[in-house]
């Protein structure tokens, strides 16, 4: 770019490309940070799940508030949506 400026040539296309690359880099860094955040949440959830008993015998309000974003109830299944962005489908047992 410096050579083009010194030669008094148009370097606007080069400057535009540099700005586009800077914007792309910024977007990639944001995506990486978001991915790291999700990975950290998943790792935290895995650690917590390894430490708790495997059989749930009673409602655990702390666990629900910490990890579950929402629960959707359908005729044939439950859909549990975790805060980490993971969806889990749980088939409903036949209640008839």
N, C-alpha and C. Protein backbone atom coordinates (compact mmCIF):
# COMPACT_ATOMS: atom_id res chain seq x y z
N UNK A 1 0.83 -1.17 0.00
CA UNK A 1 0.00 0.00 0.00
C UNK A 1 0.88 1.24 0.00
N UNK A 2 1.94 1.19 0.78
CA UNK A 2 2.87 2.32 0.84
C UNK A 2 3.51 2.54 -0.53
N UNK A 3 3.87 1.43 -1.18
CA UNK A 3 4.47 1.55 -2.52
C UNK A 3 3.50 2.18 -3.51
N UNK A 4 2.23 1.79 -3.43
CA UNK A 4 1.23 2.37 -4.33
C UNK A 4 1.04 3.86 -4.05
N UNK A 5 1.05 4.23 -2.78
CA UNK A 5 0.88 5.64 -2.42
C UNK A 5 2.07 6.46 -2.91
N UNK A 6 3.27 5.92 -2.74
CA UNK A 6 4.46 6.63 -3.17
C UNK A 6 4.52 6.76 -4.69
N UNK A 7 3.96 5.76 -5.38
CA UNK A 7 3.94 5.80 -6.84
C UNK A 7 2.73 6.59 -7.35
N UNK A 8 1.97 7.15 -6.41
CA UNK A 8 0.77 7.94 -6.72
C UNK A 8 -0.25 7.15 -7.54
N UNK A 9 -0.42 5.87 -7.13
CA UNK A 9 -1.40 5.01 -7.78
C UNK A 9 -2.59 4.83 -6.83
N UNK A 10 -3.72 4.47 -7.41
CA UNK A 10 -4.93 4.28 -6.63
C UNK A 10 -4.81 3.01 -5.78
N UNK A 11 -4.93 3.17 -4.50
CA UNK A 11 -4.85 2.02 -3.59
C UNK A 11 -6.16 1.84 -2.83
N UNK A 12 -7.25 2.41 -3.33
CA UNK A 12 -8.53 2.32 -2.64
C UNK A 12 -9.04 0.87 -2.58
N UNK A 13 -8.84 0.08 -3.63
CA UNK A 13 -9.27 -1.31 -3.60
C UNK A 13 -8.51 -2.09 -2.54
N UNK A 14 -7.22 -1.82 -2.44
CA UNK A 14 -6.40 -2.47 -1.42
C UNK A 14 -6.85 -2.06 -0.03
N UNK A 15 -7.15 -0.79 0.15
CA UNK A 15 -7.61 -0.29 1.45
C UNK A 15 -8.95 -0.92 1.80
N UNK A 16 -9.86 -1.05 0.83
CA UNK A 16 -11.15 -1.69 1.06
C UNK A 16 -10.97 -3.15 1.47
N UNK A 17 -10.05 -3.82 0.79
CA UNK A 17 -9.80 -5.22 1.12
C UNK A 17 -9.24 -5.35 2.54
N UNK A 18 -8.36 -4.45 2.91
CA UNK A 18 -7.80 -4.47 4.27
C UNK A 18 -8.91 -4.26 5.30
N UNK A 19 -9.81 -3.32 5.04
CA UNK A 19 -10.92 -3.07 5.97
C UNK A 19 -11.84 -4.28 6.06
N UNK A 20 -12.08 -4.93 4.90
CA UNK A 20 -12.91 -6.13 4.90
C UNK A 20 -12.24 -7.24 5.71
N UNK A 21 -10.96 -7.41 5.55
CA UNK A 21 -10.23 -8.43 6.31
C UNK A 21 -10.26 -8.13 7.80
N UNK A 22 -10.15 -6.86 8.16
CA UNK A 22 -10.23 -6.48 9.57
C UNK A 22 -11.60 -6.82 10.15
N UNK A 23 -12.65 -6.53 9.37
CA UNK A 23 -14.01 -6.85 9.81
C UNK A 23 -14.20 -8.36 9.94
N UNK A 24 -13.67 -9.11 8.98
CA UNK A 24 -13.75 -10.57 9.04
C UNK A 24 -13.03 -11.11 10.26
N UNK A 25 -11.87 -10.55 10.56
CA UNK A 25 -11.09 -10.98 11.72
C UNK A 25 -11.87 -10.71 13.00
N UNK A 26 -12.48 -9.53 13.07
CA UNK A 26 -13.26 -9.18 14.27
C UNK A 26 -14.43 -10.15 14.44
N UNK A 27 -15.12 -10.47 13.34
CA UNK A 27 -16.23 -11.41 13.39
C UNK A 27 -15.78 -12.79 13.84
N UNK A 28 -14.63 -13.24 13.33
CA UNK A 28 -14.09 -14.54 13.74
C UNK A 28 -13.72 -14.55 15.21
N UNK A 29 -13.19 -13.45 15.71
CA UNK A 29 -12.82 -13.38 17.12
C UNK A 29 -14.07 -13.43 18.01
N UNK A 30 -15.14 -12.76 17.57
CA UNK A 30 -16.40 -12.79 18.32
C UNK A 30 -16.96 -14.21 18.32
N UNK A 31 -16.97 -14.87 17.15
CA UNK A 31 -17.44 -16.25 17.05
C UNK A 31 -16.63 -17.17 17.94
N UNK A 32 -15.32 -16.99 17.95
CA UNK A 32 -14.45 -17.83 18.78
C UNK A 32 -14.78 -17.63 20.25
N UNK A 33 -14.97 -16.39 20.66
CA UNK A 33 -15.31 -16.10 22.06
C UNK A 33 -16.64 -16.75 22.44
N UNK A 34 -17.61 -16.68 21.53
CA UNK A 34 -18.91 -17.31 21.81
C UNK A 34 -18.77 -18.82 21.91
N UNK A 35 -17.98 -19.41 21.02
CA UNK A 35 -17.75 -20.86 21.06
C UNK A 35 -17.05 -21.26 22.35
N UNK A 36 -16.10 -20.46 22.77
CA UNK A 36 -15.40 -20.75 24.03
C UNK A 36 -16.36 -20.69 25.21
N UNK A 37 -17.28 -19.72 25.16
CA UNK A 37 -18.28 -19.61 26.22
C UNK A 37 -19.18 -20.82 26.27
N UNK A 38 -19.60 -21.31 25.12
CA UNK A 38 -20.44 -22.51 25.07
C UNK A 38 -19.65 -23.72 25.57
N UNK A 39 -18.41 -23.84 25.13
CA UNK A 39 -17.57 -24.95 25.58
C UNK A 39 -17.40 -24.93 27.10
N UNK A 40 -17.21 -23.74 27.65
CA UNK A 40 -17.04 -23.59 29.10
C UNK A 40 -18.32 -24.01 29.83
N UNK A 41 -19.49 -23.60 29.30
CA UNK A 41 -20.76 -23.99 29.92
C UNK A 41 -20.97 -25.49 29.86
N UNK A 42 -20.64 -26.09 28.72
CA UNK A 42 -20.80 -27.55 28.58
C UNK A 42 -19.86 -28.27 29.53
N UNK A 43 -18.63 -27.82 29.64
CA UNK A 43 -17.67 -28.44 30.56
C UNK A 43 -18.15 -28.31 32.01
N UNK A 44 -18.69 -27.15 32.34
CA UNK A 44 -19.21 -26.93 33.69
C UNK A 44 -20.39 -27.87 33.96
N UNK A 45 -21.25 -28.02 32.97
CA UNK A 45 -22.39 -28.91 33.11
C UNK A 45 -21.94 -30.36 33.25
N UNK A 46 -20.98 -30.77 32.43
CA UNK A 46 -20.46 -32.14 32.53
C UNK A 46 -19.87 -32.41 33.91
N UNK A 47 -19.12 -31.46 34.42
CA UNK A 47 -18.51 -31.61 35.75
C UNK A 47 -19.60 -31.75 36.80
N UNK A 48 -20.59 -30.88 36.72
CA UNK A 48 -21.69 -30.94 37.69
C UNK A 48 -22.42 -32.27 37.61
N UNK A 49 -22.70 -32.74 36.38
CA UNK A 49 -23.43 -33.99 36.21
C UNK A 49 -22.62 -35.20 36.69
N UNK A 50 -21.30 -35.14 36.58
CA UNK A 50 -20.46 -36.23 37.09
C UNK A 50 -20.50 -36.27 38.62
N UNK A 51 -20.70 -35.11 39.24
CA UNK A 51 -20.66 -35.03 40.70
C UNK A 51 -21.98 -35.35 41.38
N UNK A 52 -23.09 -35.20 40.68
CA UNK A 52 -24.39 -35.46 41.29
C UNK A 52 -24.74 -36.93 41.14
N UNK A 53 -25.59 -37.43 42.02
CA UNK A 53 -26.03 -38.82 41.88
C UNK A 53 -26.70 -39.02 40.53
N UNK A 54 -26.57 -40.22 39.97
CA UNK A 54 -27.12 -40.47 38.64
C UNK A 54 -28.63 -40.62 38.65
N UNK A 55 -29.19 -41.00 39.77
CA UNK A 55 -30.64 -41.16 39.84
C UNK A 55 -31.25 -39.95 40.54
N UNK A 56 -32.14 -39.29 39.84
CA UNK A 56 -32.80 -38.13 40.42
C UNK A 56 -34.03 -38.63 41.17
N UNK A 57 -34.05 -38.39 42.47
CA UNK A 57 -35.17 -38.87 43.28
C UNK A 57 -36.07 -37.74 43.74
N UNK A 58 -35.60 -36.52 43.57
CA UNK A 58 -36.43 -35.38 43.96
C UNK A 58 -36.07 -34.18 43.10
N UNK A 59 -36.96 -33.23 43.05
CA UNK A 59 -36.76 -32.02 42.27
C UNK A 59 -35.59 -31.22 42.83
N UNK A 60 -34.69 -30.80 41.97
CA UNK A 60 -33.53 -30.00 42.39
C UNK A 60 -33.65 -28.62 41.75
N UNK A 61 -34.19 -27.68 42.49
CA UNK A 61 -34.43 -26.33 41.99
C UNK A 61 -33.14 -25.65 41.53
N UNK A 62 -32.05 -25.86 42.24
CA UNK A 62 -30.77 -25.22 41.88
C UNK A 62 -30.30 -25.72 40.53
N UNK A 63 -30.38 -27.02 40.30
CA UNK A 63 -29.94 -27.58 39.02
C UNK A 63 -30.81 -27.05 37.88
N UNK A 64 -32.11 -27.02 38.10
CA UNK A 64 -33.02 -26.55 37.05
C UNK A 64 -32.71 -25.11 36.68
N UNK A 65 -32.60 -24.25 37.65
CA UNK A 65 -32.34 -22.84 37.38
C UNK A 65 -30.95 -22.61 36.78
N UNK A 66 -30.02 -23.46 37.11
CA UNK A 66 -28.65 -23.29 36.63
C UNK A 66 -28.47 -23.73 35.18
N UNK A 67 -29.17 -24.78 34.78
CA UNK A 67 -28.87 -25.40 33.48
C UNK A 67 -30.01 -25.43 32.47
N UNK A 68 -31.25 -25.37 32.92
CA UNK A 68 -32.36 -25.53 31.99
C UNK A 68 -32.95 -24.18 31.62
N UNK A 69 -33.03 -23.95 30.32
CA UNK A 69 -33.62 -22.72 29.81
C UNK A 69 -35.14 -22.85 29.76
N UNK A 70 -35.61 -23.97 29.17
CA UNK A 70 -37.05 -24.20 29.11
C UNK A 70 -37.32 -25.67 28.85
N UNK A 71 -38.55 -26.07 29.16
CA UNK A 71 -39.00 -27.43 28.90
C UNK A 71 -40.29 -27.32 28.11
N UNK A 72 -40.33 -28.01 26.97
CA UNK A 72 -41.53 -28.03 26.14
C UNK A 72 -42.16 -29.42 26.24
N UNK A 73 -43.46 -29.44 26.39
CA UNK A 73 -44.18 -30.70 26.55
C UNK A 73 -45.01 -30.95 25.30
N UNK A 74 -44.79 -32.11 24.69
CA UNK A 74 -45.53 -32.54 23.52
C UNK A 74 -46.30 -33.81 23.86
N UNK A 75 -47.18 -34.25 22.98
CA UNK A 75 -47.96 -35.46 23.24
C UNK A 75 -47.08 -36.69 23.40
N UNK A 76 -45.99 -36.76 22.61
CA UNK A 76 -45.17 -37.96 22.60
C UNK A 76 -43.80 -37.81 23.25
N UNK A 77 -43.45 -36.58 23.65
CA UNK A 77 -42.11 -36.36 24.20
C UNK A 77 -42.04 -35.06 24.98
N UNK A 78 -40.95 -34.92 25.71
CA UNK A 78 -40.57 -33.67 26.36
C UNK A 78 -39.34 -33.16 25.63
N UNK A 79 -39.21 -31.87 25.47
CA UNK A 79 -38.00 -31.30 24.90
C UNK A 79 -37.40 -30.39 25.97
N UNK A 80 -36.20 -30.74 26.39
CA UNK A 80 -35.50 -29.96 27.40
C UNK A 80 -34.45 -29.13 26.68
N UNK A 81 -34.53 -27.82 26.83
CA UNK A 81 -33.59 -26.90 26.18
C UNK A 81 -32.67 -26.34 27.26
N UNK A 82 -31.40 -26.68 27.15
CA UNK A 82 -30.43 -26.26 28.14
C UNK A 82 -29.87 -24.89 27.79
N UNK A 83 -29.39 -24.17 28.79
CA UNK A 83 -28.82 -22.84 28.57
C UNK A 83 -27.57 -22.89 27.70
N UNK A 84 -26.92 -24.03 27.65
CA UNK A 84 -25.72 -24.18 26.82
C UNK A 84 -26.05 -24.33 25.34
N UNK A 85 -27.36 -24.34 25.00
CA UNK A 85 -27.74 -24.44 23.61
C UNK A 85 -27.97 -25.87 23.13
N UNK A 86 -28.10 -26.80 24.03
CA UNK A 86 -28.31 -28.20 23.69
C UNK A 86 -29.77 -28.55 23.94
N UNK A 87 -30.39 -29.23 22.97
CA UNK A 87 -31.76 -29.70 23.11
C UNK A 87 -31.75 -31.20 23.35
N UNK A 88 -32.55 -31.66 24.30
CA UNK A 88 -32.64 -33.09 24.61
C UNK A 88 -34.11 -33.49 24.49
N UNK A 89 -34.38 -34.50 23.67
CA UNK A 89 -35.73 -35.03 23.55
C UNK A 89 -35.85 -36.26 24.45
N UNK A 90 -36.89 -36.28 25.28
CA UNK A 90 -37.13 -37.40 26.18
C UNK A 90 -38.50 -37.97 25.82
N UNK A 91 -38.55 -39.23 25.37
CA UNK A 91 -39.84 -39.82 25.02
C UNK A 91 -40.74 -39.92 26.25
N UNK A 92 -42.02 -39.66 26.03
CA UNK A 92 -42.99 -39.82 27.12
C UNK A 92 -43.38 -41.29 27.23
N UNK A 93 -43.50 -41.75 28.44
CA UNK A 93 -43.96 -43.12 28.65
C UNK A 93 -45.47 -43.13 28.41
N UNK A 94 -45.95 -44.23 27.93
CA UNK A 94 -47.37 -44.36 27.69
C UNK A 94 -48.11 -44.27 29.01
N UNK A 95 -48.96 -43.27 29.15
CA UNK A 95 -49.67 -43.05 30.41
C UNK A 95 -51.03 -43.71 30.45
N UNK A 96 -51.39 -44.47 29.42
CA UNK A 96 -52.70 -45.12 29.36
C UNK A 96 -52.68 -46.46 30.03
